[in-house]
N, C-alpha and C. Protein backbone atom coordinates (compact mmCIF):
# COMPACT_ATOMS: atom_id res chain seq x y z
N MET A 1 6.67 -122.33 9.25
CA MET A 1 7.47 -121.51 8.34
C MET A 1 8.67 -120.92 9.08
N GLY A 2 9.88 -121.04 8.48
CA GLY A 2 11.08 -120.54 9.12
C GLY A 2 11.18 -119.03 9.06
N GLU A 3 12.14 -118.48 9.84
CA GLU A 3 12.32 -117.04 9.89
C GLU A 3 12.70 -116.47 8.53
N TYR A 4 13.51 -117.21 7.77
CA TYR A 4 13.92 -116.73 6.44
C TYR A 4 12.71 -116.60 5.53
N GLU A 5 11.84 -117.62 5.51
CA GLU A 5 10.65 -117.56 4.65
C GLU A 5 9.73 -116.43 5.08
N LYS A 6 9.60 -116.21 6.40
CA LYS A 6 8.77 -115.10 6.88
C LYS A 6 9.32 -113.77 6.40
N ALA A 7 10.64 -113.62 6.48
CA ALA A 7 11.27 -112.37 6.05
C ALA A 7 11.06 -112.15 4.55
N GLU A 8 11.20 -113.22 3.76
CA GLU A 8 10.97 -113.10 2.31
C GLU A 8 9.54 -112.64 2.03
N ASN A 9 8.59 -113.21 2.75
CA ASN A 9 7.19 -112.85 2.53
C ASN A 9 6.92 -111.39 2.86
N ILE A 10 7.68 -110.86 3.81
CA ILE A 10 7.51 -109.46 4.19
C ILE A 10 8.23 -108.53 3.22
N LEU A 11 9.47 -108.89 2.84
CA LEU A 11 10.32 -107.98 2.09
C LEU A 11 10.04 -107.98 0.59
N HIS A 12 9.63 -109.10 0.01
CA HIS A 12 9.38 -109.12 -1.43
C HIS A 12 8.25 -108.16 -1.84
N PRO A 13 7.10 -108.15 -1.15
CA PRO A 13 6.09 -107.16 -1.49
C PRO A 13 6.60 -105.74 -1.33
N ARG A 14 7.45 -105.53 -0.33
CA ARG A 14 8.03 -104.21 -0.11
C ARG A 14 8.87 -103.78 -1.31
N LEU A 15 9.63 -104.71 -1.89
CA LEU A 15 10.47 -104.39 -3.04
C LEU A 15 9.64 -103.95 -4.24
N THR A 16 8.51 -104.61 -4.47
CA THR A 16 7.69 -104.28 -5.63
C THR A 16 7.02 -102.92 -5.47
N GLN A 17 6.87 -102.45 -4.24
CA GLN A 17 6.23 -101.16 -3.98
C GLN A 17 7.20 -99.99 -4.12
N LEU A 18 8.49 -100.27 -4.05
CA LEU A 18 9.48 -99.19 -4.03
C LEU A 18 9.66 -98.58 -5.42
N MET A 19 9.75 -97.27 -5.47
CA MET A 19 9.97 -96.55 -6.71
C MET A 19 11.47 -96.33 -6.92
N VAL A 20 11.82 -95.83 -8.10
CA VAL A 20 13.22 -95.61 -8.43
C VAL A 20 13.88 -94.67 -7.45
N ASP A 21 13.16 -93.65 -7.00
CA ASP A 21 13.75 -92.69 -6.07
C ASP A 21 13.91 -93.27 -4.67
N GLN A 22 13.49 -94.50 -4.48
CA GLN A 22 13.68 -95.17 -3.20
C GLN A 22 14.70 -96.30 -3.35
N ILE A 23 15.70 -96.06 -4.20
CA ILE A 23 16.67 -97.11 -4.51
C ILE A 23 17.44 -97.56 -3.28
N ILE A 24 17.65 -96.63 -2.33
CA ILE A 24 18.36 -97.00 -1.10
C ILE A 24 17.59 -98.08 -0.36
N ASP A 25 16.27 -97.91 -0.29
CA ASP A 25 15.46 -98.94 0.37
C ASP A 25 15.52 -100.26 -0.39
N GLN A 26 15.60 -100.18 -1.72
CA GLN A 26 15.66 -101.41 -2.51
C GLN A 26 16.92 -102.21 -2.21
N TYR A 27 18.08 -101.55 -2.29
CA TYR A 27 19.30 -102.34 -2.09
C TYR A 27 19.47 -102.75 -0.64
N ALA A 28 18.89 -101.99 0.29
CA ALA A 28 18.91 -102.41 1.69
C ALA A 28 18.09 -103.69 1.87
N CYS A 29 16.95 -103.76 1.19
CA CYS A 29 16.12 -104.96 1.26
C CYS A 29 16.85 -106.17 0.67
N TYR A 30 17.50 -105.95 -0.49
CA TYR A 30 18.24 -107.06 -1.11
C TYR A 30 19.37 -107.54 -0.21
N ASP A 31 20.08 -106.60 0.41
CA ASP A 31 21.16 -106.99 1.31
C ASP A 31 20.64 -107.81 2.48
N LEU A 32 19.52 -107.37 3.05
CA LEU A 32 18.95 -108.09 4.18
C LEU A 32 18.49 -109.49 3.76
N LEU A 33 17.84 -109.58 2.61
CA LEU A 33 17.41 -110.89 2.11
C LEU A 33 18.61 -111.80 1.86
N GLY A 34 19.69 -111.23 1.33
CA GLY A 34 20.89 -112.02 1.09
C GLY A 34 21.50 -112.55 2.37
N THR A 35 21.55 -111.69 3.38
CA THR A 35 22.09 -112.11 4.67
C THR A 35 21.26 -113.22 5.28
N LEU A 36 19.94 -113.08 5.21
CA LEU A 36 19.05 -114.10 5.76
C LEU A 36 19.17 -115.41 4.99
N ALA A 37 19.28 -115.32 3.66
CA ALA A 37 19.43 -116.53 2.85
C ALA A 37 20.73 -117.25 3.21
N GLY A 38 21.81 -116.48 3.41
CA GLY A 38 23.08 -117.08 3.79
C GLY A 38 23.00 -117.79 5.12
N ARG A 39 22.35 -117.16 6.09
CA ARG A 39 22.21 -117.78 7.41
C ARG A 39 21.38 -119.06 7.32
N ASN A 40 20.51 -119.12 6.31
CA ASN A 40 19.67 -120.30 6.13
C ASN A 40 20.38 -121.37 5.29
N GLY A 41 21.63 -121.10 4.90
CA GLY A 41 22.39 -122.06 4.10
C GLY A 41 22.08 -122.03 2.62
N ASN A 42 21.27 -121.07 2.18
CA ASN A 42 20.92 -120.97 0.76
C ASN A 42 21.87 -119.97 0.09
N PHE A 43 23.09 -120.41 -0.19
CA PHE A 43 24.14 -119.49 -0.62
C PHE A 43 23.93 -118.97 -2.04
N GLU A 44 23.36 -119.79 -2.92
CA GLU A 44 23.10 -119.30 -4.28
C GLU A 44 22.08 -118.17 -4.26
N LYS A 45 21.07 -118.30 -3.43
CA LYS A 45 20.08 -117.24 -3.30
C LYS A 45 20.71 -116.00 -2.66
N ALA A 46 21.58 -116.23 -1.68
CA ALA A 46 22.27 -115.11 -1.04
C ALA A 46 23.09 -114.34 -2.07
N ILE A 47 23.81 -115.06 -2.93
CA ILE A 47 24.60 -114.42 -3.98
C ILE A 47 23.71 -113.58 -4.89
N GLU A 48 22.58 -114.15 -5.28
CA GLU A 48 21.65 -113.44 -6.16
C GLU A 48 21.20 -112.12 -5.53
N TYR A 49 20.82 -112.17 -4.27
CA TYR A 49 20.34 -110.96 -3.60
C TYR A 49 21.46 -109.93 -3.43
N HIS A 50 22.64 -110.38 -3.00
CA HIS A 50 23.74 -109.43 -2.81
C HIS A 50 24.20 -108.83 -4.14
N LEU A 51 24.16 -109.62 -5.22
CA LEU A 51 24.47 -109.07 -6.54
C LEU A 51 23.46 -108.00 -6.93
N ASN A 52 22.18 -108.25 -6.66
CA ASN A 52 21.16 -107.25 -6.95
C ASN A 52 21.44 -105.96 -6.20
N SER A 53 21.86 -106.09 -4.95
CA SER A 53 22.16 -104.91 -4.13
C SER A 53 23.33 -104.13 -4.72
N VAL A 54 24.41 -104.84 -5.06
CA VAL A 54 25.60 -104.17 -5.62
C VAL A 54 25.26 -103.50 -6.95
N GLU A 55 24.53 -104.20 -7.81
CA GLU A 55 24.19 -103.65 -9.13
C GLU A 55 23.31 -102.41 -9.00
N LEU A 56 22.38 -102.42 -8.07
CA LEU A 56 21.54 -101.24 -7.84
C LEU A 56 22.38 -100.05 -7.40
N GLN A 57 23.31 -100.30 -6.49
CA GLN A 57 24.15 -99.21 -6.00
C GLN A 57 25.06 -98.65 -7.09
N GLN A 58 25.44 -99.49 -8.05
CA GLN A 58 26.30 -99.04 -9.14
C GLN A 58 25.54 -98.28 -10.21
N GLN A 59 24.21 -98.38 -10.20
CA GLN A 59 23.39 -97.67 -11.18
C GLN A 59 23.32 -96.18 -10.89
N VAL A 60 23.58 -95.83 -9.66
CA VAL A 60 23.53 -94.43 -9.25
C VAL A 60 24.85 -94.08 -8.59
N THR A 61 25.10 -92.80 -8.42
CA THR A 61 26.27 -92.39 -7.65
C THR A 61 25.99 -92.70 -6.20
N PRO A 62 26.72 -93.64 -5.61
CA PRO A 62 26.40 -94.03 -4.23
C PRO A 62 26.50 -92.86 -3.27
N THR A 63 25.53 -92.75 -2.41
CA THR A 63 25.59 -91.74 -1.35
C THR A 63 26.28 -92.30 -0.12
N ASP A 64 26.45 -93.61 -0.09
CA ASP A 64 27.07 -94.25 1.06
C ASP A 64 28.03 -95.34 0.56
N TYR A 65 29.27 -94.94 0.34
CA TYR A 65 30.27 -95.90 -0.14
C TYR A 65 30.55 -96.98 0.90
N LYS A 66 30.34 -96.65 2.16
CA LYS A 66 30.53 -97.64 3.21
C LYS A 66 29.56 -98.80 3.02
N GLN A 67 28.32 -98.49 2.63
CA GLN A 67 27.34 -99.54 2.38
C GLN A 67 27.74 -100.39 1.19
N LEU A 68 28.30 -99.76 0.14
CA LEU A 68 28.74 -100.53 -1.02
C LEU A 68 29.87 -101.48 -0.63
N ALA A 69 30.78 -101.01 0.23
CA ALA A 69 31.86 -101.88 0.71
C ALA A 69 31.30 -103.05 1.50
N LEU A 70 30.31 -102.80 2.34
CA LEU A 70 29.69 -103.88 3.11
C LEU A 70 28.97 -104.87 2.20
N SER A 71 28.34 -104.35 1.14
CA SER A 71 27.64 -105.22 0.21
C SER A 71 28.61 -106.14 -0.52
N TYR A 72 29.76 -105.58 -0.93
CA TYR A 72 30.79 -106.42 -1.56
C TYR A 72 31.32 -107.47 -0.58
N ASN A 73 31.47 -107.08 0.68
CA ASN A 73 31.91 -108.05 1.69
C ASN A 73 30.90 -109.18 1.82
N ASN A 74 29.62 -108.83 1.90
CA ASN A 74 28.57 -109.85 2.02
C ASN A 74 28.54 -110.76 0.79
N LEU A 75 28.71 -110.14 -0.38
CA LEU A 75 28.73 -110.93 -1.62
C LEU A 75 29.92 -111.88 -1.63
N GLY A 76 31.09 -111.37 -1.23
CA GLY A 76 32.27 -112.21 -1.19
C GLY A 76 32.14 -113.36 -0.22
N LYS A 77 31.58 -113.08 0.94
CA LYS A 77 31.38 -114.15 1.93
C LYS A 77 30.45 -115.22 1.37
N SER A 78 29.39 -114.81 0.68
CA SER A 78 28.44 -115.78 0.11
C SER A 78 29.10 -116.61 -0.98
N TYR A 79 29.89 -115.96 -1.85
CA TYR A 79 30.63 -116.72 -2.86
C TYR A 79 31.54 -117.75 -2.19
N GLY A 80 32.22 -117.33 -1.14
CA GLY A 80 33.13 -118.24 -0.44
C GLY A 80 32.40 -119.44 0.14
N MET A 81 31.26 -119.19 0.78
CA MET A 81 30.49 -120.28 1.36
C MET A 81 29.95 -121.22 0.29
N ASN A 82 29.81 -120.70 -0.93
CA ASN A 82 29.32 -121.52 -2.04
C ASN A 82 30.46 -122.18 -2.81
N GLY A 83 31.69 -122.01 -2.33
CA GLY A 83 32.84 -122.65 -2.96
C GLY A 83 33.37 -121.94 -4.18
N GLN A 84 32.89 -120.72 -4.46
CA GLN A 84 33.35 -119.95 -5.62
C GLN A 84 34.44 -118.98 -5.15
N ILE A 85 35.62 -119.54 -4.90
CA ILE A 85 36.65 -118.81 -4.17
C ILE A 85 37.21 -117.63 -4.96
N ASP A 86 37.44 -117.79 -6.26
CA ASP A 86 38.00 -116.68 -7.04
C ASP A 86 37.05 -115.48 -7.06
N LEU A 87 35.76 -115.76 -7.25
CA LEU A 87 34.78 -114.67 -7.22
C LEU A 87 34.68 -114.06 -5.82
N ALA A 88 34.82 -114.90 -4.81
CA ALA A 88 34.78 -114.41 -3.43
C ALA A 88 35.93 -113.44 -3.19
N LEU A 89 37.14 -113.83 -3.55
CA LEU A 89 38.30 -112.97 -3.32
C LEU A 89 38.18 -111.67 -4.10
N SER A 90 37.69 -111.74 -5.33
CA SER A 90 37.50 -110.53 -6.13
C SER A 90 36.58 -109.54 -5.42
N SER A 91 35.46 -110.03 -4.91
CA SER A 91 34.50 -109.16 -4.21
C SER A 91 35.07 -108.62 -2.90
N LEU A 92 35.79 -109.47 -2.18
CA LEU A 92 36.34 -109.05 -0.89
C LEU A 92 37.43 -108.01 -1.06
N PHE A 93 38.27 -108.16 -2.07
CA PHE A 93 39.30 -107.14 -2.31
C PHE A 93 38.68 -105.83 -2.80
N LYS A 94 37.58 -105.91 -3.56
CA LYS A 94 36.86 -104.69 -3.94
C LYS A 94 36.33 -103.99 -2.69
N SER A 95 35.81 -104.77 -1.75
CA SER A 95 35.32 -104.20 -0.50
C SER A 95 36.43 -103.45 0.22
N ASN A 96 37.59 -104.08 0.34
CA ASN A 96 38.70 -103.44 1.05
C ASN A 96 39.25 -102.24 0.30
N ASN A 97 39.25 -102.29 -1.03
CA ASN A 97 39.72 -101.14 -1.80
C ASN A 97 38.84 -99.92 -1.57
N ILE A 98 37.53 -100.14 -1.52
CA ILE A 98 36.60 -99.03 -1.24
C ILE A 98 36.85 -98.48 0.15
N LYS A 99 37.02 -99.36 1.12
CA LYS A 99 37.25 -98.92 2.49
C LYS A 99 38.58 -98.17 2.62
N SER A 100 39.59 -98.61 1.88
CA SER A 100 40.89 -97.94 1.93
C SER A 100 40.79 -96.51 1.41
N GLN A 101 39.96 -96.30 0.39
CA GLN A 101 39.76 -94.96 -0.16
C GLN A 101 38.88 -94.10 0.75
N LEU A 102 38.00 -94.77 1.47
CA LEU A 102 37.00 -94.07 2.28
C LEU A 102 37.54 -93.70 3.66
N LEU A 103 38.37 -94.56 4.22
CA LEU A 103 38.79 -94.41 5.61
C LEU A 103 40.28 -94.08 5.69
N ASP A 104 40.62 -93.20 6.60
CA ASP A 104 42.03 -92.86 6.82
C ASP A 104 42.73 -93.87 7.71
N ASP A 105 41.94 -94.66 8.42
CA ASP A 105 42.48 -95.55 9.45
C ASP A 105 42.49 -96.99 8.96
N ASP A 106 43.68 -97.56 8.74
CA ASP A 106 43.79 -98.96 8.30
C ASP A 106 43.37 -99.94 9.39
N ASN A 107 43.21 -99.44 10.62
CA ASN A 107 42.81 -100.29 11.73
C ASN A 107 41.33 -100.16 12.06
N HIS A 108 40.56 -99.57 11.14
CA HIS A 108 39.12 -99.44 11.37
C HIS A 108 38.49 -100.84 11.44
N LEU A 109 37.53 -100.98 12.34
CA LEU A 109 36.90 -102.29 12.54
C LEU A 109 36.24 -102.85 11.28
N LEU A 110 35.86 -101.98 10.35
CA LEU A 110 35.23 -102.46 9.13
C LEU A 110 36.13 -103.41 8.33
N PHE A 111 37.45 -103.27 8.51
CA PHE A 111 38.37 -104.15 7.77
C PHE A 111 38.39 -105.56 8.35
N ALA A 112 38.08 -105.71 9.63
CA ALA A 112 38.30 -106.98 10.31
C ALA A 112 37.50 -108.13 9.69
N ALA A 113 36.20 -107.91 9.48
CA ALA A 113 35.36 -109.00 8.94
C ALA A 113 35.81 -109.41 7.55
N THR A 114 36.21 -108.41 6.73
CA THR A 114 36.65 -108.74 5.38
C THR A 114 37.96 -109.52 5.39
N TYR A 115 38.90 -109.12 6.25
CA TYR A 115 40.14 -109.89 6.38
C TYR A 115 39.84 -111.33 6.80
N GLU A 116 38.89 -111.49 7.71
CA GLU A 116 38.51 -112.83 8.16
C GLU A 116 37.95 -113.65 7.00
N ASN A 117 37.10 -113.02 6.19
CA ASN A 117 36.53 -113.72 5.05
C ASN A 117 37.59 -114.09 4.01
N ILE A 118 38.57 -113.19 3.80
CA ILE A 118 39.68 -113.50 2.89
C ILE A 118 40.47 -114.68 3.44
N GLY A 119 40.70 -114.68 4.75
CA GLY A 119 41.40 -115.80 5.38
C GLY A 119 40.68 -117.11 5.15
N ASN A 120 39.36 -117.09 5.26
CA ASN A 120 38.58 -118.32 5.03
C ASN A 120 38.73 -118.81 3.59
N CYS A 121 38.80 -117.87 2.65
CA CYS A 121 38.98 -118.25 1.24
C CYS A 121 40.33 -118.93 1.02
N TYR A 122 41.38 -118.34 1.56
CA TYR A 122 42.71 -118.95 1.40
C TYR A 122 42.79 -120.30 2.12
N PHE A 123 42.10 -120.40 3.26
CA PHE A 123 42.06 -121.69 3.96
C PHE A 123 41.40 -122.75 3.08
N ALA A 124 40.32 -122.36 2.40
CA ALA A 124 39.63 -123.31 1.51
C ALA A 124 40.52 -123.75 0.36
N GLN A 125 41.47 -122.89 -0.03
CA GLN A 125 42.42 -123.23 -1.09
C GLN A 125 43.67 -123.93 -0.55
N ASN A 126 43.67 -124.18 0.76
CA ASN A 126 44.82 -124.80 1.44
C ASN A 126 46.07 -123.92 1.38
N LYS A 127 45.87 -122.62 1.24
CA LYS A 127 46.98 -121.66 1.32
C LYS A 127 47.07 -121.20 2.77
N LEU A 128 47.68 -122.05 3.58
CA LEU A 128 47.57 -121.89 5.03
C LEU A 128 48.31 -120.66 5.55
N ASP A 129 49.48 -120.36 4.99
CA ASP A 129 50.22 -119.20 5.46
C ASP A 129 49.47 -117.91 5.16
N GLU A 130 48.91 -117.82 3.94
CA GLU A 130 48.13 -116.63 3.58
C GLU A 130 46.89 -116.51 4.46
N ALA A 131 46.24 -117.64 4.70
CA ALA A 131 45.05 -117.63 5.55
C ALA A 131 45.39 -117.14 6.94
N GLN A 132 46.46 -117.67 7.51
CA GLN A 132 46.85 -117.27 8.87
C GLN A 132 47.19 -115.79 8.93
N GLN A 133 47.81 -115.28 7.89
CA GLN A 133 48.16 -113.86 7.84
C GLN A 133 46.91 -112.98 7.93
N TYR A 134 45.88 -113.34 7.17
CA TYR A 134 44.66 -112.52 7.18
C TYR A 134 43.86 -112.70 8.46
N PHE A 135 43.84 -113.91 9.01
CA PHE A 135 43.19 -114.10 10.31
C PHE A 135 43.88 -113.25 11.37
N GLN A 136 45.22 -113.19 11.30
CA GLN A 136 45.97 -112.39 12.27
C GLN A 136 45.67 -110.90 12.10
N CYS A 137 45.52 -110.44 10.85
CA CYS A 137 45.17 -109.04 10.60
C CYS A 137 43.84 -108.69 11.26
N ALA A 138 42.85 -109.57 11.09
CA ALA A 138 41.54 -109.34 11.70
C ALA A 138 41.64 -109.30 13.22
N PHE A 139 42.41 -110.23 13.78
CA PHE A 139 42.61 -110.28 15.23
C PHE A 139 43.27 -109.00 15.73
N ASP A 140 44.33 -108.57 15.05
CA ASP A 140 45.07 -107.38 15.49
C ASP A 140 44.20 -106.13 15.46
N ILE A 141 43.38 -106.01 14.43
CA ILE A 141 42.49 -104.84 14.34
C ILE A 141 41.52 -104.82 15.51
N ARG A 142 40.96 -105.95 15.85
CA ARG A 142 40.02 -106.00 16.98
C ARG A 142 40.73 -105.68 18.29
N GLN A 143 41.97 -106.15 18.42
CA GLN A 143 42.75 -105.84 19.62
C GLN A 143 42.99 -104.33 19.72
N ARG A 144 43.36 -103.72 18.61
CA ARG A 144 43.65 -102.28 18.61
C ARG A 144 42.40 -101.44 18.87
N ASN A 145 41.24 -102.02 18.59
CA ASN A 145 39.98 -101.33 18.86
C ASN A 145 39.39 -101.72 20.21
N ASN A 146 40.21 -102.36 21.03
CA ASN A 146 39.85 -102.68 22.42
C ASN A 146 38.63 -103.59 22.54
N ILE A 147 38.47 -104.50 21.56
CA ILE A 147 37.44 -105.53 21.70
C ILE A 147 37.88 -106.47 22.82
N PRO A 148 37.04 -106.72 23.83
CA PRO A 148 37.46 -107.55 24.97
C PRO A 148 37.93 -108.94 24.53
N GLU A 149 38.91 -109.46 25.26
CA GLU A 149 39.51 -110.76 24.93
C GLU A 149 38.49 -111.90 24.91
N ASN A 150 37.44 -111.78 25.72
CA ASN A 150 36.45 -112.86 25.79
C ASN A 150 35.26 -112.62 24.87
N SER A 151 35.43 -111.76 23.87
CA SER A 151 34.34 -111.48 22.94
C SER A 151 34.11 -112.67 22.00
N PRO A 152 32.85 -112.95 21.64
CA PRO A 152 32.58 -114.02 20.67
C PRO A 152 33.28 -113.82 19.34
N GLU A 153 33.63 -112.56 19.02
CA GLU A 153 34.29 -112.28 17.74
C GLU A 153 35.63 -112.98 17.61
N TYR A 154 36.23 -113.35 18.74
CA TYR A 154 37.54 -114.00 18.70
C TYR A 154 37.44 -115.52 18.53
N ILE A 155 36.24 -116.07 18.74
CA ILE A 155 36.11 -117.53 18.68
C ILE A 155 36.51 -118.06 17.32
N GLU A 156 36.00 -117.43 16.25
CA GLU A 156 36.32 -117.91 14.90
C GLU A 156 37.82 -117.81 14.63
N TYR A 157 38.46 -116.76 15.16
CA TYR A 157 39.90 -116.61 14.97
C TYR A 157 40.65 -117.79 15.57
N TYR A 158 40.36 -118.09 16.84
CA TYR A 158 41.08 -119.17 17.51
C TYR A 158 40.81 -120.52 16.86
N VAL A 159 39.56 -120.76 16.46
CA VAL A 159 39.24 -122.02 15.77
C VAL A 159 40.01 -122.13 14.46
N SER A 160 40.00 -121.04 13.69
CA SER A 160 40.65 -121.06 12.37
C SER A 160 42.15 -121.29 12.49
N VAL A 161 42.79 -120.55 13.40
CA VAL A 161 44.25 -120.69 13.54
C VAL A 161 44.60 -122.06 14.12
N ALA A 162 43.78 -122.55 15.04
CA ALA A 162 44.02 -123.90 15.57
C ALA A 162 43.95 -124.94 14.46
N ASN A 163 42.98 -124.79 13.56
CA ASN A 163 42.86 -125.74 12.45
C ASN A 163 44.07 -125.66 11.52
N ILE A 164 44.58 -124.44 11.32
CA ILE A 164 45.78 -124.28 10.49
C ILE A 164 46.97 -125.00 11.13
N PHE A 165 47.16 -124.79 12.43
CA PHE A 165 48.26 -125.47 13.12
C PHE A 165 48.10 -126.99 13.04
N GLY A 166 46.84 -127.45 13.15
CA GLY A 166 46.60 -128.89 13.05
C GLY A 166 47.00 -129.45 11.70
N LEU A 167 46.63 -128.71 10.62
CA LEU A 167 46.98 -129.16 9.27
C LEU A 167 48.49 -129.12 9.03
N LYS A 168 49.16 -128.21 9.74
CA LYS A 168 50.63 -128.13 9.64
C LYS A 168 51.32 -129.14 10.57
N LYS A 169 50.50 -129.93 11.27
CA LYS A 169 51.00 -130.92 12.24
C LYS A 169 51.74 -130.27 13.41
N GLN A 170 51.39 -129.02 13.70
CA GLN A 170 51.92 -128.34 14.88
C GLN A 170 50.88 -128.51 15.99
N TYR A 171 50.83 -129.73 16.53
CA TYR A 171 49.70 -130.12 17.36
C TYR A 171 49.67 -129.40 18.71
N LEU A 172 50.82 -129.10 19.28
CA LEU A 172 50.82 -128.41 20.57
C LEU A 172 50.20 -127.03 20.43
N GLU A 173 50.57 -126.32 19.37
CA GLU A 173 49.98 -125.00 19.13
C GLU A 173 48.48 -125.12 18.85
N ALA A 174 48.11 -126.13 18.06
CA ALA A 174 46.69 -126.34 17.76
C ALA A 174 45.91 -126.59 19.04
N THR A 175 46.46 -127.42 19.92
CA THR A 175 45.79 -127.72 21.18
C THR A 175 45.61 -126.47 22.03
N ASP A 176 46.65 -125.64 22.10
CA ASP A 176 46.56 -124.41 22.89
C ASP A 176 45.45 -123.50 22.37
N TYR A 177 45.35 -123.38 21.05
CA TYR A 177 44.34 -122.49 20.46
C TYR A 177 42.94 -123.06 20.65
N HIS A 178 42.78 -124.38 20.53
CA HIS A 178 41.46 -124.96 20.77
C HIS A 178 41.04 -124.80 22.24
N LYS A 179 42.00 -124.92 23.15
CA LYS A 179 41.68 -124.71 24.57
C LYS A 179 41.26 -123.26 24.81
N LYS A 180 41.93 -122.32 24.14
CA LYS A 180 41.56 -120.91 24.28
C LYS A 180 40.16 -120.68 23.74
N THR A 181 39.83 -121.33 22.64
CA THR A 181 38.48 -121.22 22.07
C THR A 181 37.44 -121.69 23.07
N ILE A 182 37.68 -122.83 23.68
CA ILE A 182 36.74 -123.40 24.64
C ILE A 182 36.59 -122.49 25.85
N GLU A 183 37.71 -121.92 26.30
CA GLU A 183 37.68 -121.00 27.44
C GLU A 183 36.77 -119.81 27.16
N ILE A 184 36.91 -119.21 25.98
CA ILE A 184 36.08 -118.06 25.61
C ILE A 184 34.63 -118.50 25.43
N ALA A 185 34.44 -119.62 24.74
CA ALA A 185 33.08 -120.10 24.46
C ALA A 185 32.29 -120.34 25.74
N HIS A 186 32.95 -120.88 26.76
CA HIS A 186 32.27 -121.12 28.03
C HIS A 186 31.86 -119.81 28.71
N GLN A 187 32.57 -118.74 28.44
CA GLN A 187 32.26 -117.46 29.06
C GLN A 187 31.09 -116.74 28.38
N VAL A 188 30.93 -116.96 27.07
CA VAL A 188 29.99 -116.12 26.33
C VAL A 188 28.86 -116.89 25.65
N LEU A 189 28.93 -118.22 25.62
CA LEU A 189 27.91 -119.00 24.93
C LEU A 189 27.17 -119.92 25.90
N PRO A 190 25.90 -120.22 25.61
CA PRO A 190 25.19 -121.20 26.43
C PRO A 190 25.82 -122.59 26.29
N LEU A 191 25.63 -123.42 27.30
CA LEU A 191 26.29 -124.72 27.33
C LEU A 191 25.86 -125.64 26.18
N ASP A 192 24.66 -125.39 25.63
CA ASP A 192 24.19 -126.25 24.54
C ASP A 192 24.47 -125.64 23.16
N HIS A 193 25.30 -124.60 23.11
CA HIS A 193 25.58 -123.97 21.82
C HIS A 193 26.41 -124.92 20.95
N PRO A 194 26.08 -125.05 19.66
CA PRO A 194 26.80 -125.99 18.79
C PRO A 194 28.29 -125.70 18.65
N TRP A 195 28.69 -124.44 18.84
CA TRP A 195 30.12 -124.11 18.74
C TRP A 195 30.94 -124.89 19.76
N LEU A 196 30.37 -125.10 20.96
CA LEU A 196 31.10 -125.83 21.99
C LEU A 196 31.38 -127.26 21.55
N ALA A 197 30.38 -127.88 20.93
CA ALA A 197 30.58 -129.24 20.43
C ALA A 197 31.68 -129.28 19.37
N VAL A 198 31.67 -128.28 18.48
CA VAL A 198 32.70 -128.19 17.44
C VAL A 198 34.08 -128.06 18.07
N CYS A 199 34.17 -127.19 19.09
CA CYS A 199 35.47 -126.95 19.74
C CYS A 199 36.00 -128.21 20.42
N TYR A 200 35.13 -128.90 21.15
CA TYR A 200 35.57 -130.13 21.82
C TYR A 200 35.93 -131.22 20.81
N ASN A 201 35.19 -131.29 19.73
CA ASN A 201 35.50 -132.27 18.69
C ASN A 201 36.86 -131.98 18.06
N ASN A 202 37.13 -130.69 17.80
CA ASN A 202 38.42 -130.31 17.22
C ASN A 202 39.57 -130.63 18.17
N LEU A 203 39.35 -130.34 19.46
CA LEU A 203 40.40 -130.63 20.44
C LEU A 203 40.63 -132.14 20.53
N GLY A 204 39.55 -132.91 20.49
CA GLY A 204 39.68 -134.37 20.49
C GLY A 204 40.49 -134.87 19.31
N LYS A 205 40.26 -134.28 18.14
CA LYS A 205 41.01 -134.68 16.94
C LYS A 205 42.50 -134.38 17.10
N ASP A 206 42.81 -133.21 17.70
CA ASP A 206 44.22 -132.88 17.92
C ASP A 206 44.90 -133.90 18.82
N TYR A 207 44.20 -134.28 19.89
CA TYR A 207 44.77 -135.28 20.80
C TYR A 207 44.92 -136.63 20.09
N ALA A 208 43.94 -136.97 19.27
CA ALA A 208 44.03 -138.24 18.53
C ALA A 208 45.22 -138.23 17.57
N ASP A 209 45.44 -137.08 16.91
CA ASP A 209 46.58 -136.97 16.00
C ASP A 209 47.92 -137.11 16.74
N GLN A 210 47.90 -136.76 18.03
CA GLN A 210 49.11 -136.91 18.85
C GLN A 210 49.18 -138.28 19.53
N LYS A 211 48.19 -139.15 19.20
CA LYS A 211 48.09 -140.49 19.79
C LYS A 211 47.85 -140.43 21.30
N ARG A 212 47.23 -139.35 21.75
CA ARG A 212 46.86 -139.22 23.17
C ARG A 212 45.37 -139.58 23.25
N TYR A 213 45.11 -140.88 23.13
CA TYR A 213 43.76 -141.34 22.86
C TYR A 213 42.81 -141.16 24.04
N LYS A 214 43.32 -141.24 25.25
CA LYS A 214 42.45 -141.05 26.41
C LYS A 214 41.88 -139.64 26.42
N LEU A 215 42.75 -138.64 26.21
CA LEU A 215 42.29 -137.25 26.16
C LEU A 215 41.39 -137.02 24.95
N ALA A 216 41.71 -137.68 23.85
CA ALA A 216 40.87 -137.55 22.66
C ALA A 216 39.46 -138.04 22.94
N ARG A 217 39.36 -139.21 23.57
CA ARG A 217 38.05 -139.80 23.87
C ARG A 217 37.26 -138.90 24.82
N GLN A 218 37.93 -138.34 25.82
CA GLN A 218 37.26 -137.45 26.78
C GLN A 218 36.62 -136.25 26.07
N ASN A 219 37.36 -135.66 25.14
CA ASN A 219 36.85 -134.48 24.45
C ASN A 219 35.79 -134.83 23.41
N TYR A 220 35.92 -135.99 22.77
CA TYR A 220 34.86 -136.43 21.86
C TYR A 220 33.56 -136.63 22.64
N GLN A 221 33.66 -137.18 23.85
CA GLN A 221 32.47 -137.40 24.68
C GLN A 221 31.84 -136.07 25.08
N ARG A 222 32.68 -135.07 25.38
CA ARG A 222 32.15 -133.75 25.73
C ARG A 222 31.43 -133.09 24.56
N ALA A 223 31.84 -133.48 23.35
CA ALA A 223 31.22 -132.90 22.16
C ALA A 223 29.82 -133.46 21.91
N LEU A 224 29.50 -134.59 22.51
CA LEU A 224 28.20 -135.24 22.27
C LEU A 224 27.06 -134.48 22.91
């Protein structure tokens, strides 16, 4: 039995035991189940759980608007992974609107993940300039909050922007960003981590697009 199924077996009985006055525990359980379902690739189930969490929080006056913002972010990410981009963007902008009302600081780290998710949605729509803008916003916020340059949080940024440059046929820039991704990945990830294979494969594709086939082959082999 996988970790997701184990968690469901633990949390579902817990949900049935919770009373109305324990609504905070209920939506926390739904959020956790949604996150686990998403990690397991079950995005429709993740959407269902995150929707339950949001709806529960809207039934009462939220005591923690930050949690509601996070729930909308999780819901938006799940919609995006399921290919429901318009619903994803709607949820993600709701998340940011709540955070904007709640926080005085536009550079708060809570904005970074949502900007990244919005960027992924625009990338899926092939709106590359908009995607790059939001990826850059997420990157800048992490920089301003002194997140170290070699943090795993930057890997997705470099991969995403490299892919954008590749689609724009700006291969030199794409190559530079993929190399930066590999440099960070080697510092913070185990050698057998799947991200490394993805990075080498992407770099190989960039070299192939430039007709630099020897370098392409070398990186494809490293991805194996």
